[in-house]
Amino acid sequence: MISVPVKDMSGAELGTYEFDPAELAPGINKQLLHDVVVMYEANRRVGTVRQKSRGEVIGSTKKLYRQKGTGRARMGNRRQPVRVGGGRAFPRRPKDWGYRLPRKAVRLATRMALLSKFQDGEAIVLDSLSVAEPKTKVVAGVLKAIGINGDSVLLAIPEHDATVWKSARNIEDLRVSVCTDLNAYDLLRQKRLVVTKDALDRLRGVAS
C-alpha cells in the first residue's frame, strides 16, 4: 500500500490517503516510459525547414564561360552547389516527424509515470483547491504552504476550472491539467505533482 499525507490549502495535514499501487499500474517499465517520451518529443518537432535547390535560387542559367580554351576548370552556371550562393545538392524539405505508439501502451505509460511520482515521494495530495477569484497570490501561497519552492509543478484538478487556470498561468514552471488529460510526458517533465483528492479518486477509477 502507498500512503500519502493529505494537506489543505494552508499546508496542514488532515490525514493520509492510502491506495493499492496496482490500481494505477502493475509496475514501472522504464523502456516504455522512454519510448513514450520520445514519441511526444517527436510530435512536438515543427519540421518546417526548407532549403533551395539549384533550380530555385536566383541566378542565370547561362554557362559562366566556354568549355575549352580558357585554361581554367570547366564551370556550369551560377546556381550549381559548388558556388557561393548556389542551391543545395540535396536540399532539406518539410517533414512530419510525428508518429503514434499503440493507445494501450500510451495509457499504461501515463499510469506508470503517475505511480512513479508517488513511489519517489514527489507527489502531494490536496484535500481540495478552491479559488474564489483569479489571483496568482492565492495559488502561489498554496504552493509555498505545502513546501514547494523552486521546483517545476504539475497541478492536477478533477475538472476544468477557469479561475484556477487564470490564477496559475503567471507562475513560472507551473502547469495545470485536468486529471483525465494527464500524459506521461507532462508527468515526467515536471518535478513535483500536486493532485487534489477528487482528482486522484478519478484517476484510480480510470486506471482500475
N, C-alpha and C. Protein backbone atom coordinates (compact mmCIF):
# COMPACT_ATOMS: atom_id res chain seq x y z
N MET A 1 0.83 -1.20 0.00
CA MET A 1 0.00 0.00 0.00
C MET A 1 0.87 1.26 0.00
N ILE A 2 0.39 2.27 -0.67
CA ILE A 2 1.05 3.57 -0.68
C ILE A 2 0.24 4.52 0.18
N SER A 3 0.91 5.18 1.10
CA SER A 3 0.26 6.12 1.99
C SER A 3 0.87 7.50 1.80
N VAL A 4 0.01 8.47 1.50
CA VAL A 4 0.46 9.83 1.24
C VAL A 4 -0.29 10.79 2.16
N PRO A 5 0.41 11.73 2.80
CA PRO A 5 -0.29 12.71 3.64
C PRO A 5 -1.20 13.60 2.80
N VAL A 6 -2.35 13.92 3.36
CA VAL A 6 -3.29 14.83 2.70
C VAL A 6 -3.18 16.18 3.38
N LYS A 7 -2.97 17.23 2.59
CA LYS A 7 -2.82 18.57 3.13
C LYS A 7 -3.94 19.47 2.63
N ASP A 8 -4.21 20.51 3.43
CA ASP A 8 -5.17 21.52 2.98
C ASP A 8 -4.41 22.68 2.36
N MET A 9 -5.12 23.73 1.98
CA MET A 9 -4.50 24.84 1.27
C MET A 9 -3.54 25.63 2.15
N SER A 10 -3.65 25.46 3.47
CA SER A 10 -2.74 26.15 4.38
C SER A 10 -1.51 25.33 4.72
N GLY A 11 -1.44 24.09 4.21
CA GLY A 11 -0.29 23.24 4.47
C GLY A 11 -0.45 22.31 5.64
N ALA A 12 -1.58 22.38 6.34
CA ALA A 12 -1.80 21.50 7.49
C ALA A 12 -2.20 20.10 7.03
N GLU A 13 -1.71 19.09 7.74
CA GLU A 13 -2.04 17.71 7.39
C GLU A 13 -3.41 17.34 7.96
N LEU A 14 -4.22 16.71 7.11
CA LEU A 14 -5.58 16.32 7.51
C LEU A 14 -5.74 14.82 7.61
N GLY A 15 -4.66 14.09 7.43
CA GLY A 15 -4.73 12.63 7.47
C GLY A 15 -3.85 12.05 6.37
N THR A 16 -4.17 10.83 5.96
CA THR A 16 -3.41 10.16 4.92
C THR A 16 -4.35 9.60 3.86
N TYR A 17 -3.79 9.43 2.68
CA TYR A 17 -4.52 8.84 1.55
C TYR A 17 -3.81 7.55 1.19
N GLU A 18 -4.52 6.43 1.29
CA GLU A 18 -3.92 5.13 1.01
C GLU A 18 -4.58 4.49 -0.20
N PHE A 19 -3.76 3.84 -1.01
CA PHE A 19 -4.29 3.11 -2.16
C PHE A 19 -3.31 2.03 -2.57
N ASP A 20 -3.82 1.07 -3.30
CA ASP A 20 -3.00 -0.03 -3.79
C ASP A 20 -2.31 0.42 -5.08
N PRO A 21 -0.99 0.33 -5.16
CA PRO A 21 -0.30 0.77 -6.38
C PRO A 21 -0.74 0.02 -7.62
N ALA A 22 -1.24 -1.20 -7.45
CA ALA A 22 -1.70 -1.98 -8.60
C ALA A 22 -2.92 -1.36 -9.25
N GLU A 23 -3.61 -0.46 -8.54
CA GLU A 23 -4.75 0.23 -9.14
C GLU A 23 -4.31 1.20 -10.23
N LEU A 24 -3.07 1.65 -10.17
CA LEU A 24 -2.56 2.55 -11.19
C LEU A 24 -1.80 1.80 -12.27
N ALA A 25 -0.85 0.95 -11.87
CA ALA A 25 -0.04 0.22 -12.83
C ALA A 25 0.56 -1.01 -12.15
N PRO A 26 0.82 -2.06 -12.92
CA PRO A 26 1.41 -3.27 -12.32
C PRO A 26 2.87 -3.09 -11.93
N GLY A 27 3.52 -2.06 -12.45
CA GLY A 27 4.92 -1.80 -12.14
C GLY A 27 5.43 -0.66 -13.00
N ILE A 28 6.74 -0.43 -12.95
CA ILE A 28 7.35 0.65 -13.73
C ILE A 28 8.24 0.04 -14.81
N ASN A 29 7.94 0.33 -16.05
CA ASN A 29 8.75 -0.12 -17.18
C ASN A 29 9.46 1.10 -17.76
N LYS A 30 10.74 1.24 -17.47
CA LYS A 30 11.49 2.42 -17.89
C LYS A 30 11.60 2.50 -19.41
N GLN A 31 11.69 1.36 -20.08
CA GLN A 31 11.81 1.38 -21.53
C GLN A 31 10.53 1.92 -22.17
N LEU A 32 9.38 1.52 -21.63
CA LEU A 32 8.11 2.03 -22.16
C LEU A 32 7.99 3.53 -21.92
N LEU A 33 8.37 3.99 -20.73
CA LEU A 33 8.33 5.42 -20.44
C LEU A 33 9.24 6.19 -21.39
N HIS A 34 10.43 5.65 -21.65
CA HIS A 34 11.36 6.31 -22.58
C HIS A 34 10.77 6.39 -23.97
N ASP A 35 10.17 5.30 -24.44
CA ASP A 35 9.61 5.28 -25.79
C ASP A 35 8.48 6.29 -25.93
N VAL A 36 7.65 6.41 -24.90
CA VAL A 36 6.52 7.33 -24.98
C VAL A 36 7.01 8.78 -24.94
N VAL A 37 8.00 9.07 -24.12
CA VAL A 37 8.54 10.44 -24.06
C VAL A 37 9.18 10.81 -25.40
N VAL A 38 9.90 9.88 -26.02
CA VAL A 38 10.49 10.14 -27.33
C VAL A 38 9.40 10.41 -28.36
N MET A 39 8.28 9.69 -28.25
CA MET A 39 7.16 9.91 -29.17
C MET A 39 6.60 11.32 -29.02
N TYR A 40 6.38 11.74 -27.77
CA TYR A 40 5.84 13.09 -27.53
C TYR A 40 6.82 14.16 -28.03
N GLU A 41 8.11 13.94 -27.81
CA GLU A 41 9.11 14.91 -28.29
C GLU A 41 9.12 14.98 -29.81
N ALA A 42 9.00 13.82 -30.46
CA ALA A 42 8.97 13.80 -31.92
C ALA A 42 7.74 14.52 -32.46
N ASN A 43 6.61 14.36 -31.78
CA ASN A 43 5.38 15.01 -32.22
C ASN A 43 5.43 16.52 -32.00
N ARG A 44 6.31 16.98 -31.14
CA ARG A 44 6.45 18.42 -30.90
C ARG A 44 7.36 19.08 -31.94
N ARG A 45 8.11 18.31 -32.69
CA ARG A 45 9.01 18.89 -33.70
C ARG A 45 8.20 19.57 -34.79
N VAL A 46 8.64 20.75 -35.19
CA VAL A 46 7.91 21.52 -36.19
C VAL A 46 8.17 20.98 -37.59
N GLY A 47 9.42 20.74 -37.92
CA GLY A 47 9.76 20.16 -39.21
C GLY A 47 9.47 21.04 -40.41
N THR A 48 9.59 22.36 -40.25
CA THR A 48 9.28 23.28 -41.34
C THR A 48 10.52 23.77 -42.08
N VAL A 49 11.67 23.14 -41.86
CA VAL A 49 12.90 23.56 -42.53
C VAL A 49 12.76 23.35 -44.04
N ARG A 50 13.28 24.29 -44.80
CA ARG A 50 13.25 24.17 -46.26
C ARG A 50 14.45 24.88 -46.86
N GLN A 51 15.20 24.18 -47.69
CA GLN A 51 16.34 24.74 -48.40
C GLN A 51 16.06 24.74 -49.89
N LYS A 52 16.74 25.63 -50.61
CA LYS A 52 16.51 25.77 -52.04
C LYS A 52 17.47 24.90 -52.84
N SER A 53 16.93 24.30 -53.86
CA SER A 53 17.76 23.53 -54.78
C SER A 53 18.35 24.47 -55.84
N ARG A 54 19.16 23.94 -56.72
CA ARG A 54 19.79 24.77 -57.76
C ARG A 54 18.74 25.30 -58.74
N GLY A 55 17.58 24.70 -58.79
CA GLY A 55 16.53 25.18 -59.67
C GLY A 55 15.68 26.26 -59.04
N GLU A 56 15.88 26.55 -57.72
CA GLU A 56 15.04 27.52 -57.02
C GLU A 56 15.77 28.80 -56.64
N VAL A 57 17.09 28.80 -56.63
CA VAL A 57 17.83 30.01 -56.27
C VAL A 57 17.82 30.99 -57.45
N ILE A 58 18.05 32.26 -57.12
CA ILE A 58 18.07 33.30 -58.15
C ILE A 58 19.43 33.31 -58.83
N GLY A 59 19.43 33.38 -60.14
CA GLY A 59 20.68 33.42 -60.89
C GLY A 59 20.48 32.96 -62.31
N SER A 60 21.38 33.35 -63.17
CA SER A 60 21.29 32.99 -64.58
C SER A 60 21.58 31.50 -64.76
N THR A 61 20.93 30.93 -65.76
CA THR A 61 21.19 29.53 -66.10
C THR A 61 22.24 29.41 -67.21
N LYS A 62 22.81 30.53 -67.59
CA LYS A 62 23.81 30.53 -68.66
C LYS A 62 25.15 30.03 -68.13
N LYS A 63 25.85 29.27 -68.94
CA LYS A 63 27.19 28.81 -68.59
C LYS A 63 28.11 30.01 -68.40
N LEU A 64 28.92 30.00 -67.32
CA LEU A 64 29.73 31.16 -66.99
C LEU A 64 30.75 31.51 -68.09
N TYR A 65 31.41 30.53 -68.64
CA TYR A 65 32.35 30.76 -69.75
C TYR A 65 32.44 29.46 -70.55
N ARG A 66 33.04 29.57 -71.69
CA ARG A 66 33.06 28.43 -72.61
C ARG A 66 33.80 27.24 -72.01
N GLN A 67 33.51 26.10 -72.56
CA GLN A 67 34.03 24.84 -72.01
C GLN A 67 35.54 24.75 -72.13
N LYS A 68 36.10 25.14 -73.28
CA LYS A 68 37.53 24.93 -73.52
C LYS A 68 38.23 26.23 -73.92
N GLY A 69 39.53 26.23 -73.77
CA GLY A 69 40.33 27.34 -74.27
C GLY A 69 40.63 28.42 -73.26
N THR A 70 40.11 28.34 -72.03
CA THR A 70 40.35 29.39 -71.05
C THR A 70 41.48 29.03 -70.10
N GLY A 71 41.86 27.76 -70.05
CA GLY A 71 42.91 27.34 -69.11
C GLY A 71 42.38 27.05 -67.72
N ARG A 72 41.11 27.31 -67.50
CA ARG A 72 40.50 27.05 -66.19
C ARG A 72 39.66 25.78 -66.23
N ALA A 73 39.25 25.34 -65.05
CA ALA A 73 38.38 24.16 -64.99
C ALA A 73 37.03 24.50 -65.59
N ARG A 74 36.41 23.49 -66.14
CA ARG A 74 35.10 23.72 -66.73
C ARG A 74 34.09 24.12 -65.63
N MET A 75 33.16 24.96 -65.96
CA MET A 75 32.22 25.50 -64.97
C MET A 75 30.85 25.64 -65.61
N GLY A 76 29.83 25.36 -64.85
CA GLY A 76 28.46 25.49 -65.32
C GLY A 76 27.91 26.87 -65.00
N ASN A 77 26.64 26.92 -64.53
CA ASN A 77 26.02 28.21 -64.23
C ASN A 77 26.21 28.60 -62.77
N ARG A 78 25.70 29.76 -62.40
CA ARG A 78 25.89 30.30 -61.06
C ARG A 78 25.09 29.54 -59.99
N ARG A 79 24.12 28.77 -60.40
CA ARG A 79 23.24 28.12 -59.42
C ARG A 79 23.78 26.79 -58.88
N GLN A 80 24.84 26.31 -59.43
CA GLN A 80 25.31 24.98 -59.02
C GLN A 80 25.81 24.97 -57.58
N PRO A 81 25.70 23.87 -56.90
CA PRO A 81 26.00 23.79 -55.46
C PRO A 81 27.43 24.13 -55.08
N VAL A 82 28.39 24.01 -55.99
CA VAL A 82 29.78 24.25 -55.62
C VAL A 82 30.10 25.73 -55.52
N ARG A 83 29.21 26.61 -55.94
CA ARG A 83 29.46 28.05 -55.92
C ARG A 83 28.75 28.70 -54.74
N VAL A 84 29.35 29.77 -54.20
CA VAL A 84 28.72 30.52 -53.12
C VAL A 84 27.43 31.13 -53.63
N GLY A 85 26.35 30.94 -52.89
CA GLY A 85 25.07 31.46 -53.32
C GLY A 85 24.28 30.49 -54.18
N GLY A 86 24.88 29.33 -54.48
CA GLY A 86 24.18 28.35 -55.29
C GLY A 86 23.20 27.53 -54.47
N GLY A 87 22.44 26.70 -55.14
CA GLY A 87 21.47 25.85 -54.45
C GLY A 87 22.12 24.65 -53.80
N ARG A 88 21.38 24.01 -52.89
CA ARG A 88 21.88 22.81 -52.24
C ARG A 88 21.72 21.61 -53.16
N ALA A 89 22.67 20.70 -53.11
CA ALA A 89 22.60 19.50 -53.94
C ALA A 89 21.45 18.59 -53.49
N PHE A 90 21.33 18.44 -52.19
CA PHE A 90 20.24 17.64 -51.63
C PHE A 90 19.53 18.47 -50.56
N PRO A 91 18.67 19.39 -50.98
CA PRO A 91 18.04 20.32 -50.02
C PRO A 91 17.08 19.62 -49.07
N ARG A 92 17.05 20.10 -47.85
CA ARG A 92 16.12 19.57 -46.86
C ARG A 92 14.73 20.13 -47.11
N ARG A 93 13.73 19.31 -46.92
CA ARG A 93 12.35 19.67 -47.17
C ARG A 93 11.52 19.52 -45.90
N PRO A 94 10.36 20.17 -45.83
CA PRO A 94 9.48 19.99 -44.66
C PRO A 94 9.17 18.51 -44.44
N LYS A 95 9.16 18.14 -43.17
CA LYS A 95 8.95 16.73 -42.83
C LYS A 95 8.12 16.63 -41.56
N ASP A 96 7.21 15.69 -41.56
CA ASP A 96 6.40 15.41 -40.37
C ASP A 96 7.09 14.31 -39.58
N TRP A 97 7.57 14.66 -38.40
CA TRP A 97 8.29 13.70 -37.56
C TRP A 97 7.36 12.89 -36.66
N GLY A 98 6.10 13.22 -36.64
CA GLY A 98 5.17 12.60 -35.69
C GLY A 98 4.88 11.14 -36.00
N TYR A 99 4.62 10.39 -34.95
CA TYR A 99 4.16 9.01 -35.06
C TYR A 99 3.42 8.65 -33.79
N ARG A 100 2.74 7.55 -33.80
CA ARG A 100 1.94 7.17 -32.64
C ARG A 100 2.28 5.74 -32.22
N LEU A 101 2.44 5.57 -30.91
CA LEU A 101 2.55 4.24 -30.34
C LEU A 101 1.14 3.69 -30.10
N PRO A 102 1.01 2.41 -29.85
CA PRO A 102 -0.32 1.86 -29.56
C PRO A 102 -0.99 2.58 -28.39
N ARG A 103 -2.29 2.78 -28.50
CA ARG A 103 -3.03 3.54 -27.48
C ARG A 103 -2.91 2.91 -26.10
N LYS A 104 -2.96 1.61 -26.03
CA LYS A 104 -2.86 0.94 -24.73
C LYS A 104 -1.49 1.18 -24.10
N ALA A 105 -0.45 1.21 -24.92
CA ALA A 105 0.90 1.45 -24.39
C ALA A 105 1.02 2.86 -23.85
N VAL A 106 0.43 3.84 -24.55
CA VAL A 106 0.49 5.23 -24.10
C VAL A 106 -0.27 5.40 -22.78
N ARG A 107 -1.43 4.78 -22.68
CA ARG A 107 -2.22 4.88 -21.45
C ARG A 107 -1.50 4.20 -20.28
N LEU A 108 -0.89 3.06 -20.55
CA LEU A 108 -0.15 2.36 -19.49
C LEU A 108 1.04 3.19 -19.04
N ALA A 109 1.72 3.85 -19.98
CA ALA A 109 2.86 4.69 -19.62
C ALA A 109 2.42 5.86 -18.74
N THR A 110 1.24 6.42 -19.01
CA THR A 110 0.73 7.52 -18.17
C THR A 110 0.50 7.04 -16.74
N ARG A 111 -0.07 5.86 -16.59
CA ARG A 111 -0.31 5.33 -15.24
C ARG A 111 1.00 4.99 -14.54
N MET A 112 1.97 4.51 -15.32
CA MET A 112 3.29 4.23 -14.72
C MET A 112 3.98 5.50 -14.25
N ALA A 113 3.89 6.54 -15.07
CA ALA A 113 4.50 7.82 -14.69
C ALA A 113 3.83 8.38 -13.44
N LEU A 114 2.51 8.23 -13.36
CA LEU A 114 1.78 8.69 -12.17
C LEU A 114 2.21 7.91 -10.94
N LEU A 115 2.33 6.60 -11.09
CA LEU A 115 2.75 5.77 -9.96
C LEU A 115 4.17 6.12 -9.51
N SER A 116 5.04 6.43 -10.47
CA SER A 116 6.43 6.74 -10.12
C SER A 116 6.52 7.99 -9.26
N LYS A 117 5.61 8.94 -9.45
CA LYS A 117 5.61 10.16 -8.64
C LYS A 117 5.36 9.84 -7.17
N PHE A 118 4.46 8.92 -6.93
CA PHE A 118 4.16 8.54 -5.54
C PHE A 118 5.27 7.68 -4.95
N GLN A 119 5.85 6.80 -5.74
CA GLN A 119 6.93 5.94 -5.24
C GLN A 119 8.19 6.75 -4.93
N ASP A 120 8.41 7.82 -5.68
CA ASP A 120 9.60 8.65 -5.48
C ASP A 120 9.38 9.78 -4.48
N GLY A 121 8.19 9.86 -3.91
CA GLY A 121 7.90 10.90 -2.92
C GLY A 121 7.80 12.29 -3.53
N GLU A 122 7.43 12.38 -4.79
CA GLU A 122 7.33 13.67 -5.47
C GLU A 122 5.88 14.13 -5.64
N ALA A 123 4.93 13.42 -5.04
CA ALA A 123 3.52 13.76 -5.18
C ALA A 123 2.96 14.27 -3.86
N ILE A 124 2.09 15.25 -3.94
CA ILE A 124 1.40 15.81 -2.78
C ILE A 124 -0.10 15.79 -3.06
N VAL A 125 -0.86 15.33 -2.10
CA VAL A 125 -2.31 15.26 -2.25
C VAL A 125 -2.94 16.41 -1.48
N LEU A 126 -3.75 17.19 -2.19
CA LEU A 126 -4.50 18.29 -1.58
C LEU A 126 -5.92 17.83 -1.28
N ASP A 127 -6.42 18.21 -0.13
CA ASP A 127 -7.80 17.85 0.21
C ASP A 127 -8.76 18.48 -0.79
N SER A 128 -8.54 19.73 -1.13
CA SER A 128 -9.35 20.43 -2.14
C SER A 128 -8.62 21.71 -2.53
N LEU A 129 -9.03 22.26 -3.66
CA LEU A 129 -8.45 23.52 -4.13
C LEU A 129 -9.57 24.39 -4.67
N SER A 130 -9.83 25.47 -3.98
CA SER A 130 -10.89 26.38 -4.41
C SER A 130 -10.34 27.81 -4.42
N VAL A 131 -10.57 28.51 -5.53
CA VAL A 131 -10.13 29.89 -5.68
C VAL A 131 -11.36 30.72 -6.05
N ALA A 132 -11.67 31.71 -5.21
CA ALA A 132 -12.88 32.50 -5.41
C ALA A 132 -12.78 33.39 -6.64
N GLU A 133 -11.63 34.02 -6.83
CA GLU A 133 -11.43 34.92 -7.96
C GLU A 133 -10.01 34.77 -8.47
N PRO A 134 -9.78 35.11 -9.74
CA PRO A 134 -8.43 34.93 -10.31
C PRO A 134 -7.38 35.77 -9.60
N LYS A 135 -6.56 35.13 -8.79
CA LYS A 135 -5.48 35.80 -8.09
C LYS A 135 -4.28 34.87 -8.03
N THR A 136 -3.18 35.29 -8.64
CA THR A 136 -1.96 34.49 -8.63
C THR A 136 -1.45 34.27 -7.21
N LYS A 137 -1.69 35.25 -6.36
CA LYS A 137 -1.19 35.19 -4.98
C LYS A 137 -1.77 34.00 -4.23
N VAL A 138 -3.01 33.61 -4.54
CA VAL A 138 -3.65 32.50 -3.83
C VAL A 138 -2.95 31.19 -4.15
N VAL A 139 -2.78 30.91 -5.43
CA VAL A 139 -2.14 29.65 -5.83
C VAL A 139 -0.67 29.63 -5.41
N ALA A 140 0.01 30.75 -5.54
CA ALA A 140 1.41 30.82 -5.11
C ALA A 140 1.52 30.57 -3.61
N GLY A 141 0.57 31.08 -2.85
CA GLY A 141 0.57 30.85 -1.41
C GLY A 141 0.34 29.40 -1.05
N VAL A 142 -0.51 28.72 -1.82
CA VAL A 142 -0.76 27.29 -1.57
C VAL A 142 0.51 26.49 -1.82
N LEU A 143 1.19 26.77 -2.92
CA LEU A 143 2.42 26.04 -3.24
C LEU A 143 3.49 26.25 -2.16
N LYS A 144 3.57 27.47 -1.66
CA LYS A 144 4.55 27.77 -0.62
C LYS A 144 4.17 27.07 0.69
N ALA A 145 2.88 27.02 0.97
CA ALA A 145 2.42 26.41 2.23
C ALA A 145 2.67 24.91 2.26
N ILE A 146 2.57 24.26 1.11
CA ILE A 146 2.76 22.80 1.10
C ILE A 146 4.23 22.42 0.87
N GLY A 147 5.10 23.42 0.81
CA GLY A 147 6.53 23.14 0.79
C GLY A 147 7.15 23.01 -0.58
N ILE A 148 6.54 23.62 -1.58
CA ILE A 148 7.12 23.57 -2.94
C ILE A 148 7.71 24.93 -3.25
N ASN A 149 9.01 24.97 -3.39
CA ASN A 149 9.71 26.22 -3.69
C ASN A 149 10.77 25.97 -4.76
N GLY A 150 10.58 26.56 -5.91
CA GLY A 150 11.58 26.48 -6.95
C GLY A 150 11.48 25.29 -7.88
N ASP A 151 10.71 24.27 -7.54
CA ASP A 151 10.59 23.10 -8.41
C ASP A 151 9.47 23.31 -9.43
N SER A 152 9.61 22.67 -10.57
CA SER A 152 8.53 22.68 -11.54
C SER A 152 7.38 21.80 -11.02
N VAL A 153 6.16 22.24 -11.27
CA VAL A 153 4.99 21.61 -10.65
C VAL A 153 3.93 21.32 -11.70
N LEU A 154 3.31 20.16 -11.58
CA LEU A 154 2.12 19.83 -12.36
C LEU A 154 0.94 19.74 -11.39
N LEU A 155 -0.04 20.58 -11.60
CA LEU A 155 -1.22 20.64 -10.74
C LEU A 155 -2.36 19.93 -11.44
N ALA A 156 -2.82 18.82 -10.86
CA ALA A 156 -3.90 18.04 -11.45
C ALA A 156 -5.20 18.30 -10.68
N ILE A 157 -6.22 18.74 -11.40
CA ILE A 157 -7.51 19.05 -10.80
C ILE A 157 -8.57 18.15 -11.43
N PRO A 158 -9.69 17.94 -10.72
CA PRO A 158 -10.70 16.98 -11.22
C PRO A 158 -11.39 17.41 -12.50
N GLU A 159 -11.61 18.69 -12.69
CA GLU A 159 -12.29 19.17 -13.89
C GLU A 159 -11.81 20.58 -14.20
N HIS A 160 -12.13 21.05 -15.40
CA HIS A 160 -11.65 22.36 -15.82
C HIS A 160 -12.20 23.46 -14.92
N ASP A 161 -11.30 24.32 -14.46
CA ASP A 161 -11.66 25.45 -13.60
C ASP A 161 -10.93 26.68 -14.14
N ALA A 162 -11.67 27.56 -14.79
CA ALA A 162 -11.07 28.75 -15.40
C ALA A 162 -10.41 29.65 -14.37
N THR A 163 -10.99 29.72 -13.18
CA THR A 163 -10.43 30.58 -12.13
C THR A 163 -9.08 30.07 -11.67
N VAL A 164 -8.97 28.75 -11.48
CA VAL A 164 -7.68 28.17 -11.07
C VAL A 164 -6.65 28.35 -12.18
N TRP A 165 -7.06 28.15 -13.41
CA TRP A 165 -6.13 28.28 -14.52
C TRP A 165 -5.61 29.71 -14.65
N LYS A 166 -6.49 30.69 -14.52
CA LYS A 166 -6.07 32.09 -14.61
C LYS A 166 -5.17 32.47 -13.44
N SER A 167 -5.41 31.88 -12.29
CA SER A 167 -4.60 32.19 -11.12
C SER A 167 -3.21 31.57 -11.19
N ALA A 168 -3.06 30.52 -12.01
CA ALA A 168 -1.79 29.80 -12.06
C ALA A 168 -0.96 30.10 -13.29
N ARG A 169 -1.54 30.78 -14.29
CA ARG A 169 -0.85 30.91 -15.56
C ARG A 169 0.39 31.81 -15.50
N ASN A 170 0.47 32.69 -14.50
CA ASN A 170 1.62 33.59 -14.39
C ASN A 170 2.73 33.05 -13.49
N ILE A 171 2.53 31.85 -12.95
CA ILE A 171 3.54 31.26 -12.08
C ILE A 171 4.50 30.44 -12.93
N GLU A 172 5.77 30.73 -12.81
CA GLU A 172 6.77 30.04 -13.62
C GLU A 172 6.86 28.56 -13.27
N ASP A 173 7.00 27.73 -14.29
CA ASP A 173 7.17 26.28 -14.14
C ASP A 173 5.98 25.62 -13.46
N LEU A 174 4.79 26.19 -13.59
CA LEU A 174 3.57 25.56 -13.07
C LEU A 174 2.64 25.26 -14.23
N ARG A 175 2.22 24.03 -14.33
CA ARG A 175 1.30 23.61 -15.38
C ARG A 175 0.05 23.02 -14.73
N VAL A 176 -1.11 23.45 -15.20
CA VAL A 176 -2.38 22.97 -14.67
C VAL A 176 -3.01 22.05 -15.70
N SER A 177 -3.50 20.90 -15.24
CA SER A 177 -4.10 19.94 -16.15
C SER A 177 -5.27 19.24 -15.48
N VAL A 178 -6.32 18.99 -16.25
CA VAL A 178 -7.42 18.16 -15.77
C VAL A 178 -6.90 16.73 -15.64
N CYS A 179 -7.33 16.02 -14.62
CA CYS A 179 -6.76 14.70 -14.34
C CYS A 179 -6.93 13.73 -15.51
N THR A 180 -8.03 13.85 -16.24
CA THR A 180 -8.26 12.95 -17.37
C THR A 180 -7.40 13.29 -18.58
N ASP A 181 -6.73 14.46 -18.57
CA ASP A 181 -5.87 14.88 -19.67
C ASP A 181 -4.39 14.66 -19.39
N LEU A 182 -4.07 14.04 -18.28
CA LEU A 182 -2.67 13.81 -17.94
C LEU A 182 -2.01 12.87 -18.94
N ASN A 183 -0.73 13.08 -19.15
CA ASN A 183 0.04 12.17 -20.00
C ASN A 183 1.42 11.97 -19.39
N ALA A 184 2.09 10.95 -19.86
CA ALA A 184 3.39 10.58 -19.29
C ALA A 184 4.42 11.68 -19.48
N TYR A 185 4.35 12.39 -20.60
CA TYR A 185 5.34 13.44 -20.87
C TYR A 185 5.26 14.56 -19.83
N ASP A 186 4.04 15.06 -19.57
CA ASP A 186 3.88 16.13 -18.59
C ASP A 186 4.23 15.67 -17.18
N LEU A 187 3.86 14.44 -16.85
CA LEU A 187 4.14 13.92 -15.51
C LEU A 187 5.64 13.79 -15.26
N LEU A 188 6.38 13.36 -16.26
CA LEU A 188 7.82 13.16 -16.07
C LEU A 188 8.60 14.46 -16.25
N ARG A 189 8.06 15.38 -17.02
CA ARG A 189 8.77 16.63 -17.26
C ARG A 189 8.75 17.52 -16.02
N GLN A 190 7.62 17.58 -15.32
CA GLN A 190 7.51 18.39 -14.12
C GLN A 190 8.04 17.61 -12.91
N LYS A 191 8.81 18.27 -12.08
CA LYS A 191 9.46 17.60 -10.96
C LYS A 191 8.46 17.14 -9.91
N ARG A 192 7.50 17.98 -9.56
CA ARG A 192 6.55 17.66 -8.50
C ARG A 192 5.14 17.55 -9.06
N LEU A 193 4.34 16.73 -8.39
CA LEU A 193 2.93 16.56 -8.75
C LEU A 193 2.06 16.94 -7.56
N VAL A 194 1.15 17.85 -7.80
CA VAL A 194 0.16 18.23 -6.79
C VAL A 194 -1.20 17.83 -7.34
N VAL A 195 -1.86 16.92 -6.68
CA VAL A 195 -3.14 16.40 -7.16
C VAL A 195 -4.18 16.50 -6.06
N THR A 196 -5.36 16.95 -6.41
CA THR A 196 -6.43 17.04 -5.42
C THR A 196 -6.98 15.63 -5.13
N LYS A 197 -7.62 15.50 -4.00
CA LYS A 197 -8.14 14.20 -3.58
C LYS A 197 -9.18 13.69 -4.58
N ASP A 198 -10.07 14.57 -5.04
CA ASP A 198 -11.09 14.16 -6.01
C ASP A 198 -10.46 13.73 -7.33
N ALA A 199 -9.42 14.43 -7.75
CA ALA A 199 -8.74 14.08 -9.00
C ALA A 199 -8.08 12.71 -8.90
N LEU A 200 -7.46 12.43 -7.75
CA LEU A 200 -6.81 11.13 -7.57
C LEU A 200 -7.84 10.00 -7.52
N ASP A 201 -9.00 10.28 -6.93
CA ASP A 201 -10.08 9.29 -6.94
C ASP A 201 -10.49 8.96 -8.37
N ARG A 202 -10.60 9.98 -9.20
CA ARG A 202 -10.97 9.75 -10.61
C ARG A 202 -9.89 8.99 -11.35
N LEU A 203 -8.64 9.31 -11.07
CA LEU A 203 -7.55 8.61 -11.74
C LEU A 203 -7.53 7.12 -11.36
N ARG A 204 -7.78 6.85 -10.13
CA ARG A 204 -7.83 5.45 -9.70
C ARG A 204 -9.00 4.73 -10.35
N GLY A 205 -10.10 5.45 -10.54
CA GLY A 205 -11.25 4.85 -11.20
C GLY A 205 -11.00 4.57 -12.65
N VAL A 206 -10.27 5.49 -13.32
CA VAL A 206 -9.95 5.32 -14.74
C VAL A 206 -8.95 4.18 -14.90
N ALA A 207 -8.01 4.10 -13.95
CA ALA A 207 -6.93 3.13 -14.10
C ALA A 207 -7.37 1.72 -13.75
N SER A 208 -8.42 1.59 -12.96
CA SER A 208 -8.81 0.27 -12.50
C SER A 208 -9.52 -0.52 -13.57
